[in-house]
């Protein structure tokens, strides 16, 4: 690990550039490698933190976590030789981020290393981001669910291999979602894998489940989702404690789930035409659930708006066929819904699902999801490695239980009523 502290615009592929873009573009900063798996976080001082590296066309040796000032100049860069995922920010300003080798880094606000914790190696995707509890505990998934103290020591880990006193044994599994923390301290996360039920002996291949773990590391409940193959969609928590997430299959049907805090199913929304859920849900002030779906064999990618009872409110189709939505939507204070698509377009939708405006970033937007500051500046990355600052009329996030990916601009993944 090396550390680069670079003032101004140096050290990351050049300084920020600005332009009108229909008065939409405020500036963009080139990081030098795709911002593919990382969603920006905004610190208390307005600093924007984002990681780069990954798929999307090329990989530069300039990788890591970038701290960018609100004017688009580089504050510092923390070098990570592999892919950096979505950063989260603790109450003291510490930045936490996992990389593609399943190492968890803690970085000081000046860009110096604080500590590093090596997790077990597992498969990775862009939703892997730490959640931060009210006492500063960091929760992160790999083979196990880890609870790490703020000093970098292990508090506990929960082994998902054996659940419910060996009633169900997972043969192979991956935690490919970010944990979400409920007000009572319960941690929710999705698991993908093959299961063995010993009584009567049954192999259940390629099923997924949602798991709830208590704050002390003991099991609260788990629920196998019949008919599903995987969960890549990180859970969001509603004001009444409902857990929302997308789940996918290898068939024509894919699902959005709403589960009660006790693990029972509240409702299930089925969408046909193929195309899986890689986006995570966001929740509006009125309880509307927003989530993106990839394109399928018989359907374009769509952003869904679902009523609190699980019925369809509206859907917005990405105009270009075979373009996916990985990006998690964000709801602004004025009710506008924002998200990116693999076409490279960033969309702003009115509350009724009609197009308010769009901005072409000229390269794909994949796992990266937007953040917004209280001045209405939206931050989003693309596969060219550019961090964009876009003007909007939304002065901050909507006042709702879960208005964006990882709940808030610090990406804590914790719901505080």
Protein backbone atom coordinates (compact mmCIF):
# COMPACT_ATOMS: atom_id res chain seq x y z
CA UNK A 1 0.00 0.00 0.00
CA UNK A 2 1.25 3.45 -0.86
CA UNK A 3 -0.21 6.80 -0.06
CA UNK A 4 -0.44 9.78 -2.37
CA UNK A 5 -1.33 13.19 -1.00
CA UNK A 6 -1.76 15.42 -4.00
CA UNK A 7 -3.06 18.95 -3.79
CA UNK A 8 -5.07 20.59 -6.52
CA UNK A 9 -5.97 18.38 -9.45
CA UNK A 10 -2.87 16.19 -9.68
CA UNK A 11 -2.33 12.53 -9.03
CA UNK A 12 -5.49 11.12 -10.54
CA UNK A 13 -5.38 11.53 -14.28
CA UNK A 14 -5.44 15.34 -14.31
CA UNK A 15 -7.46 18.15 -12.81
CA UNK A 16 -11.17 18.72 -12.90
CA UNK A 17 -12.74 20.13 -16.03
CA UNK A 18 -15.93 22.14 -16.15
CA UNK A 19 -18.45 22.97 -18.80
CA UNK A 20 -22.01 24.02 -19.38
CA UNK A 21 -23.69 20.77 -20.52
CA UNK A 22 -26.90 22.77 -20.63
CA UNK A 23 -25.84 24.30 -17.30
CA UNK A 24 -26.02 20.78 -15.85
CA UNK A 25 -22.30 19.99 -15.59
CA UNK A 26 -20.56 21.75 -12.73
CA UNK A 27 -17.26 19.87 -13.12
CA UNK A 28 -15.84 16.42 -13.69
CA UNK A 29 -12.72 14.88 -12.22
CA UNK A 30 -10.86 12.08 -14.10
CA UNK A 31 -9.65 9.40 -11.68
CA UNK A 32 -7.79 7.38 -14.32
CA UNK A 33 -9.63 4.06 -13.97
CA UNK A 34 -13.32 3.08 -14.19
CA UNK A 35 -15.60 4.11 -11.34
CA UNK A 36 -17.43 0.85 -11.77
CA UNK A 37 -18.07 -0.66 -8.34
CA UNK A 38 -18.00 2.46 -6.16
CA UNK A 39 -20.71 4.94 -5.18
CA UNK A 40 -19.63 8.34 -3.83
CA UNK A 41 -19.87 9.30 -0.16
CA UNK A 42 -19.96 12.89 1.07
CA UNK A 43 -18.12 13.80 4.27
CA UNK A 44 -19.16 16.44 6.82
CA UNK A 45 -16.82 19.02 5.24
CA UNK A 46 -18.27 18.40 1.78
CA UNK A 47 -15.38 16.23 0.62
CA UNK A 48 -16.47 13.60 -1.90
CA UNK A 49 -14.97 10.12 -1.51
CA UNK A 50 -15.09 7.55 -4.32
CA UNK A 51 -13.15 4.46 -5.35
CA UNK A 52 -12.09 3.28 -8.79
CA UNK A 53 -10.72 0.24 -10.61
CA UNK A 54 -12.63 -2.61 -12.15
CA UNK A 55 -14.43 -3.66 -15.27
CA UNK A 56 -15.60 -1.32 -17.95
CA UNK A 57 -12.85 -1.15 -20.52
CA UNK A 58 -9.47 -0.48 -18.96
CA UNK A 59 -7.52 -0.56 -15.74
CA UNK A 60 -5.00 2.11 -14.89
CA UNK A 61 -2.34 1.76 -12.17
CA UNK A 62 -3.93 4.89 -10.65
CA UNK A 63 -6.40 3.20 -8.33
CA UNK A 64 -7.72 3.67 -4.84
CA UNK A 65 -9.93 6.02 -2.87
CA UNK A 66 -10.06 9.62 -4.08
CA UNK A 67 -10.93 12.52 -1.79
CA UNK A 68 -12.17 15.34 -4.02
CA UNK A 69 -12.90 18.86 -2.81
CA UNK A 70 -16.32 20.41 -3.54
CA UNK A 71 -14.66 22.55 -6.26
CA UNK A 72 -13.49 19.43 -8.13
CA UNK A 73 -9.82 19.53 -7.12
CA UNK A 74 -8.05 16.56 -5.59
CA UNK A 75 -7.52 16.62 -1.83
CA UNK A 76 -5.71 13.29 -1.63
CA UNK A 77 -5.63 9.77 -3.02
CA UNK A 78 -5.20 6.59 -1.00
CA UNK A 79 -3.65 3.91 -3.19
CA UNK A 80 -5.29 0.48 -3.39
CA UNK A 81 -3.80 -1.84 -5.99
CA UNK A 82 -7.07 -3.68 -6.69
CA UNK A 83 -10.67 -2.51 -7.08
CA UNK A 84 -12.05 -0.19 -4.42
CA UNK A 85 -15.73 -0.54 -3.60
CA UNK A 86 -18.15 1.91 -2.01
CA UNK A 87 -16.73 3.89 0.95
CA UNK A 88 -18.61 4.56 4.18
CA UNK A 89 -17.87 7.34 6.66
CA UNK A 90 -17.90 6.97 10.43
CA UNK A 91 -19.04 9.58 12.94
CA UNK A 92 -15.42 10.68 13.49
CA UNK A 93 -14.82 11.06 9.75
CA UNK A 94 -12.92 7.78 9.29
CA UNK A 95 -13.42 6.34 5.79
CA UNK A 96 -14.02 2.57 5.57
CA UNK A 97 -13.80 0.66 2.31
CA UNK A 98 -13.43 -2.94 1.16
CA UNK A 99 -11.38 -3.92 -1.89
CA UNK A 100 -11.67 -6.85 -4.28
CA UNK A 101 -9.23 -8.96 -2.23
CA UNK A 102 -11.62 -8.71 0.74
CA UNK A 103 -9.44 -6.35 2.73
CA UNK A 104 -11.20 -3.74 4.84
CA UNK A 105 -9.36 -0.42 5.11
CA UNK A 106 -9.82 2.37 7.63
CA UNK A 107 -8.47 5.69 6.36
CA UNK A 108 -8.01 8.89 8.34
CA UNK A 109 -9.51 12.16 7.11
CA UNK A 110 -6.06 13.33 5.94
CA UNK A 111 -5.66 10.26 3.73
CA UNK A 112 -3.25 8.36 5.97
CA UNK A 113 -3.87 4.69 6.80
CA UNK A 114 -5.49 3.92 10.14
CA UNK A 115 -5.70 0.12 9.99
CA UNK A 116 -6.41 -2.79 7.66
CA UNK A 117 -8.37 -5.95 8.43
CA UNK A 118 -8.08 -9.01 6.18
CA UNK A 119 -11.41 -10.73 5.61
CA UNK A 120 -11.76 -14.15 4.04
CA UNK A 121 -11.66 -14.09 0.26
CA UNK A 122 -14.99 -14.43 -1.51
CA UNK A 123 -16.69 -13.34 -4.71
CA UNK A 124 -17.34 -9.64 -5.00
CA UNK A 125 -19.71 -7.18 -6.60
CA UNK A 126 -20.30 -3.48 -6.28
CA UNK A 127 -22.86 -3.57 -3.47
CA UNK A 128 -20.20 -4.63 -0.96
CA UNK A 129 -20.01 -1.62 1.35
CA UNK A 130 -19.57 -1.45 5.13
CA UNK A 131 -22.48 -0.55 7.39
CA UNK A 132 -21.70 1.47 10.50
CA UNK A 133 -23.65 0.94 13.70
CA UNK A 134 -24.57 3.60 16.30
CA UNK A 135 -21.63 2.54 18.52
CA UNK A 136 -19.17 2.74 15.62
CA UNK A 137 -19.08 -1.00 14.90
CA UNK A 138 -18.37 -1.73 11.22
CA UNK A 139 -20.38 -4.55 9.64
CA UNK A 140 -19.18 -6.12 6.39
CA UNK A 141 -19.97 -9.33 4.54
CA UNK A 142 -17.59 -11.80 2.91
CA UNK A 143 -17.80 -15.52 3.67
CA UNK A 144 -19.00 -14.49 7.12
CA UNK A 145 -20.75 -11.41 8.41
CA UNK A 146 -18.07 -9.51 10.30
CA UNK A 147 -18.48 -7.01 13.13
CA UNK A 148 -15.26 -5.00 13.45
CA UNK A 149 -14.56 -2.57 16.28
CA UNK A 150 -13.57 0.97 15.35
CA UNK A 151 -9.97 0.18 16.40
CA UNK A 152 -9.74 -2.60 13.78
CA UNK A 153 -10.16 -5.58 16.11
CA UNK A 154 -12.71 -8.33 15.59
CA UNK A 155 -15.86 -8.03 17.68
CA UNK A 156 -17.52 -11.16 16.27
CA UNK A 157 -18.26 -12.94 13.04
CA UNK A 158 -21.34 -14.88 12.12
CA UNK A 159 -20.83 -18.09 10.15
CA UNK A 160 -23.64 -18.46 7.65
CA UNK A 161 -22.57 -22.05 6.87
CA UNK A 162 -24.74 -23.40 9.69
CA UNK A 163 -28.04 -21.81 10.45
CA UNK A 164 -30.87 -22.63 12.81
CA UNK A 165 -28.98 -25.26 14.86
CA UNK A 166 -27.88 -27.08 11.69
CA UNK A 167 -31.38 -27.24 10.24
CA UNK A 168 -29.97 -25.81 7.03
CA UNK A 169 -26.32 -26.07 6.02
CA UNK A 170 -24.87 -23.91 3.27
CA UNK A 171 -22.44 -25.83 1.10
CA UNK A 172 -21.14 -22.89 -0.89
CA UNK A 173 -22.21 -19.33 -0.35
CA UNK A 174 -21.40 -15.69 -0.85
CA UNK A 175 -22.56 -12.51 0.83
CA UNK A 176 -22.92 -10.28 -2.18
CA UNK A 177 -24.94 -7.51 -0.58
CA UNK A 178 -24.20 -4.75 1.88
CA UNK A 179 -25.67 -5.08 5.38
CA UNK A 180 -28.50 -2.84 6.54
CA UNK A 181 -28.97 -1.93 10.21
CA UNK A 182 -32.42 -1.49 11.74
CA UNK A 183 -33.15 0.86 14.66
CA UNK A 184 -33.18 -2.09 17.10
CA UNK A 185 -29.66 -3.09 15.96
CA UNK A 186 -30.71 -6.02 13.76
CA UNK A 187 -28.42 -6.51 10.76
CA UNK A 188 -30.02 -7.72 7.52
CA UNK A 189 -28.13 -9.12 4.53
CA UNK A 190 -28.66 -11.41 1.54
CA UNK A 191 -26.81 -14.67 0.89
CA UNK A 192 -26.37 -16.68 -2.30
CA UNK A 193 -25.47 -20.36 -2.33
CA UNK A 194 -26.32 -24.04 -2.33
CA UNK A 195 -28.08 -25.41 0.73
CA UNK A 196 -28.47 -28.82 2.38
CA UNK A 197 -31.49 -29.55 4.53
CA UNK A 198 -30.75 -32.66 6.65
CA UNK A 199 -34.32 -33.53 7.60
CA UNK A 200 -35.43 -34.95 5.26
CA UNK A 201 -32.10 -34.86 3.38
CA UNK A 202 -32.54 -32.46 0.49
CA UNK A 203 -30.09 -30.48 -1.64
CA UNK A 204 -31.37 -27.08 -2.67
CA UNK A 205 -29.16 -25.73 -5.43
CA UNK A 206 -28.80 -22.09 -6.32
CA UNK A 207 -31.19 -20.62 -3.83
CA UNK A 208 -30.87 -17.36 -1.96
CA UNK A 209 -31.96 -16.24 1.47
CA UNK A 210 -32.30 -13.18 3.64
CA UNK A 211 -30.65 -13.35 7.06
CA UNK A 212 -31.26 -11.30 10.21
CA UNK A 213 -28.55 -11.24 12.89
CA UNK A 214 -28.80 -9.58 16.30
CA UNK A 215 -26.32 -6.90 17.36
CA UNK A 216 -24.55 -9.43 19.59
CA UNK A 217 -23.84 -11.73 16.63
CA UNK A 218 -26.56 -14.31 17.30
CA UNK A 219 -29.06 -15.46 14.69
CA UNK A 220 -32.47 -13.79 14.71
CA UNK A 221 -33.97 -15.52 11.66
CA UNK A 222 -33.32 -16.60 8.11
CA UNK A 223 -35.69 -17.10 5.22
CA UNK A 224 -34.91 -19.14 2.10
CA UNK A 225 -36.54 -17.50 -0.92
CA UNK A 226 -38.14 -20.30 -2.90
CA UNK A 227 -37.58 -20.02 -6.62
CA UNK A 228 -34.77 -17.48 -6.48
CA UNK A 229 -31.13 -17.99 -7.44
CA UNK A 230 -29.34 -14.96 -6.05
CA UNK A 231 -29.55 -11.66 -4.18
CA UNK A 232 -27.26 -8.87 -5.39
CA UNK A 233 -29.66 -6.18 -4.20
CA UNK A 234 -28.80 -4.72 -0.79
CA UNK A 235 -31.75 -4.37 1.59
CA UNK A 236 -33.44 -1.08 2.41
CA UNK A 237 -35.48 -0.53 5.58
CA UNK A 238 -38.81 1.29 5.69
CA UNK A 239 -40.25 3.42 8.47
CA UNK A 240 -42.32 0.49 9.78
CA UNK A 241 -39.31 -1.87 9.71
CA UNK A 242 -40.19 -3.54 6.40
CA UNK A 243 -37.15 -4.90 4.55
CA UNK A 244 -37.12 -4.36 0.77
CA UNK A 245 -34.78 -5.97 -1.77
CA UNK A 246 -34.66 -7.45 -5.26
CA UNK A 247 -34.00 -11.12 -5.99
CA UNK A 248 -33.30 -12.84 -9.26
CA UNK A 249 -33.77 -16.12 -11.06
CA UNK A 250 -32.55 -17.78 -14.23
CA UNK A 251 -36.12 -17.76 -15.55
CA UNK A 252 -38.32 -15.10 -17.10
CA UNK A 253 -39.56 -13.91 -13.70
CA UNK A 254 -37.73 -11.78 -11.15
CA UNK A 255 -38.93 -10.43 -7.83
CA UNK A 256 -39.02 -7.51 -5.44
CA UNK A 257 -39.61 -8.64 -1.86
CA UNK A 258 -41.05 -6.86 1.14
CA UNK A 259 -40.45 -8.75 4.39
CA UNK A 260 -41.68 -8.01 7.88
CA UNK A 261 -39.15 -7.56 10.71
CA UNK A 262 -40.01 -11.08 11.95
CA UNK A 263 -38.94 -12.65 8.64
CA UNK A 264 -42.40 -13.31 7.22
CA UNK A 265 -43.21 -12.17 3.71
CA UNK A 266 -45.31 -9.03 3.39
CA UNK A 267 -45.57 -9.05 -0.40
CA UNK A 268 -43.76 -10.08 -3.53
CA UNK A 269 -43.82 -8.17 -6.81
CA UNK A 270 -43.19 -10.28 -9.91
CA UNK A 271 -41.89 -8.75 -13.11
CA UNK A 272 -41.66 -10.78 -16.31
CA UNK A 273 -39.61 -10.48 -19.48
CA UNK A 274 -36.25 -11.49 -18.01
CA UNK A 275 -33.63 -9.09 -16.72
CA UNK A 276 -32.32 -9.40 -13.20
CA UNK A 277 -32.15 -7.04 -10.21
CA UNK A 278 -28.70 -5.64 -9.51
CA UNK A 279 -29.99 -2.30 -8.29
CA UNK A 280 -30.94 -1.84 -4.63
CA UNK A 281 -34.18 -0.18 -3.47
CA UNK A 282 -34.67 3.40 -2.37
CA UNK A 283 -37.76 4.56 -0.47
CA UNK A 284 -39.62 7.83 -0.98
CA UNK A 285 -41.32 9.97 1.68
CA UNK A 286 -44.72 8.44 0.85
CA UNK A 287 -43.36 4.88 1.06
CA UNK A 288 -42.95 4.38 -2.69
CA UNK A 289 -40.22 1.81 -3.40
CA UNK A 290 -37.92 2.57 -6.35
CA UNK A 291 -35.63 -0.06 -7.89
CA UNK A 292 -33.96 -0.63 -11.27
CA UNK A 293 -34.03 -3.84 -13.33
CA UNK A 294 -31.64 -4.94 -16.04
CA UNK A 295 -32.78 -5.55 -19.61
CA UNK A 296 -34.04 -9.02 -20.45
CA UNK A 297 -34.55 -11.06 -23.57
CA UNK A 298 -38.06 -9.70 -23.94
CA UNK A 299 -37.91 -6.41 -22.05
CA UNK A 300 -35.92 -3.19 -21.77
CA UNK A 301 -34.31 -2.10 -18.54
CA UNK A 302 -36.82 -0.32 -16.32
CA UNK A 303 -36.96 1.76 -13.19
CA UNK A 304 -39.91 0.55 -11.12
CA UNK A 305 -41.93 2.64 -8.70
CA UNK A 306 -43.97 0.36 -6.42
CA UNK A 307 -46.69 1.44 -4.01
CA UNK A 308 -46.26 0.50 -0.32
CA UNK A 309 -48.71 -2.38 -0.86
CA UNK A 310 -46.56 -3.88 -3.63
CA UNK A 311 -48.60 -2.78 -6.64
CA UNK A 312 -47.08 -0.98 -9.61
CA UNK A 313 -47.23 2.82 -9.46
CA UNK A 314 -45.30 3.44 -12.69
CA UNK A 315 -42.28 2.26 -14.62
CA UNK A 316 -39.76 4.11 -16.77
CA UNK A 317 -38.07 2.23 -19.60
CA UNK A 318 -34.51 3.12 -20.61
CA UNK A 319 -34.98 4.03 -24.27
CA UNK A 320 -32.05 2.04 -25.68
CA UNK A 321 -32.54 -1.73 -25.77
CA UNK A 322 -30.09 -4.10 -24.06
CA UNK A 323 -28.91 -1.34 -21.72
CA UNK A 324 -28.94 -2.33 -18.07
CA UNK A 325 -29.68 -0.52 -14.82
CA UNK A 326 -27.30 -1.42 -12.00
CA UNK A 327 -27.41 1.99 -10.35
CA UNK A 328 -29.58 2.42 -7.27
CA UNK A 329 -32.02 5.35 -7.55
CA UNK A 330 -31.86 8.39 -5.28
CA UNK A 331 -34.77 10.64 -4.29
CA UNK A 332 -34.07 14.35 -3.96
CA UNK A 333 -35.71 16.80 -1.59
CA UNK A 334 -37.98 18.04 -4.39
CA UNK A 335 -39.22 14.53 -5.20
CA UNK A 336 -37.09 14.05 -8.32
CA UNK A 337 -35.79 10.48 -8.75
CA UNK A 338 -32.22 10.14 -10.06
CA UNK A 339 -30.37 7.12 -11.44
CA UNK A 340 -27.81 6.10 -14.04
CA UNK A 341 -27.95 3.55 -16.85
CA UNK A 342 -25.40 1.48 -18.72
CA UNK A 343 -25.97 3.70 -21.75
CA UNK A 344 -24.03 6.39 -19.88
CA UNK A 345 -27.12 8.52 -19.41
CA UNK A 346 -27.99 9.94 -16.02
CA UNK A 347 -31.75 10.40 -15.62
CA UNK A 348 -33.90 12.70 -13.50
CA UNK A 349 -37.55 11.66 -13.31
CA UNK A 350 -40.51 13.62 -12.01
CA UNK A 351 -42.52 12.05 -9.16
CA UNK A 352 -45.04 10.77 -11.73
CA UNK A 353 -42.32 8.91 -13.67
CA UNK A 354 -42.00 11.34 -16.59
CA UNK A 355 -38.58 12.55 -17.68
CA UNK A 356 -37.45 15.83 -16.08
CA UNK A 357 -33.99 15.86 -17.67
CA UNK A 358 -31.13 13.62 -18.73
CA UNK A 359 -27.36 14.03 -18.98
CA UNK A 360 -25.02 11.98 -21.17
CA UNK A 361 -21.77 11.10 -19.40
CA UNK A 362 -20.51 9.45 -22.62
CA UNK A 363 -19.61 6.17 -20.93
CA UNK A 364 -21.45 3.49 -19.01
CA UNK A 365 -22.85 3.94 -15.50
CA UNK A 366 -22.86 0.58 -13.74
CA UNK A 367 -22.75 -0.22 -10.02
CA UNK A 368 -22.09 3.41 -9.09
CA UNK A 369 -25.09 5.21 -7.54
CA UNK A 370 -25.56 8.95 -6.95
CA UNK A 371 -25.11 11.13 -3.88
CA UNK A 372 -26.28 14.73 -3.47
CA UNK A 373 -25.22 17.59 -1.20
CA UNK A 374 -27.43 20.21 0.40
CA UNK A 375 -26.61 22.69 -2.38
CA UNK A 376 -28.15 20.41 -4.98
CA UNK A 377 -24.91 19.10 -6.49
CA UNK A 378 -25.19 15.46 -7.56
CA UNK A 379 -22.11 13.23 -7.71
CA UNK A 380 -21.93 10.15 -9.95
CA UNK A 381 -19.13 8.17 -11.61
CA UNK A 382 -18.84 6.38 -14.95
CA UNK A 383 -16.78 3.67 -16.66
CA UNK A 384 -14.39 6.22 -18.10
CA UNK A 385 -13.29 6.93 -14.53
CA UNK A 386 -14.85 10.39 -14.40
CA UNK A 387 -16.51 11.73 -11.27
CA UNK A 388 -19.25 14.14 -12.33
CA UNK A 389 -20.71 17.02 -10.34
CA UNK A 390 -24.10 17.93 -11.78
CA UNK A 391 -26.38 20.81 -10.84
CA UNK A 392 -29.94 20.06 -9.77
CA UNK A 393 -32.91 21.72 -8.09
CA UNK A 394 -32.98 19.17 -5.24
CA UNK A 395 -31.40 20.76 -2.17
CA UNK A 396 -30.28 17.52 -0.57
CA UNK A 397 -31.95 14.17 -0.03
CA UNK A 398 -35.62 13.53 0.44
CA UNK A 399 -36.79 13.25 4.05
CA UNK A 400 -37.55 9.55 3.85
CA UNK A 401 -36.46 6.34 5.58
CA UNK A 402 -34.02 5.24 2.83
CA UNK A 403 -33.66 7.81 0.00
CA UNK A 404 -30.52 6.37 -1.67
CA UNK A 405 -28.00 3.54 -1.84
CA UNK A 406 -26.67 2.91 1.70
CA UNK A 407 -29.37 5.20 3.15
CA UNK A 408 -27.45 8.49 3.57
CA UNK A 409 -24.57 10.51 2.12
CA UNK A 410 -22.15 8.86 4.56
CA UNK A 411 -23.25 5.46 3.20
CA UNK A 412 -23.75 4.14 6.74
CA UNK A 413 -26.47 1.63 5.82
CA UNK A 414 -28.13 2.41 9.15
CA UNK A 415 -31.74 3.52 9.56
CA UNK A 416 -32.25 6.12 12.27
CA UNK A 417 -35.91 7.20 12.65
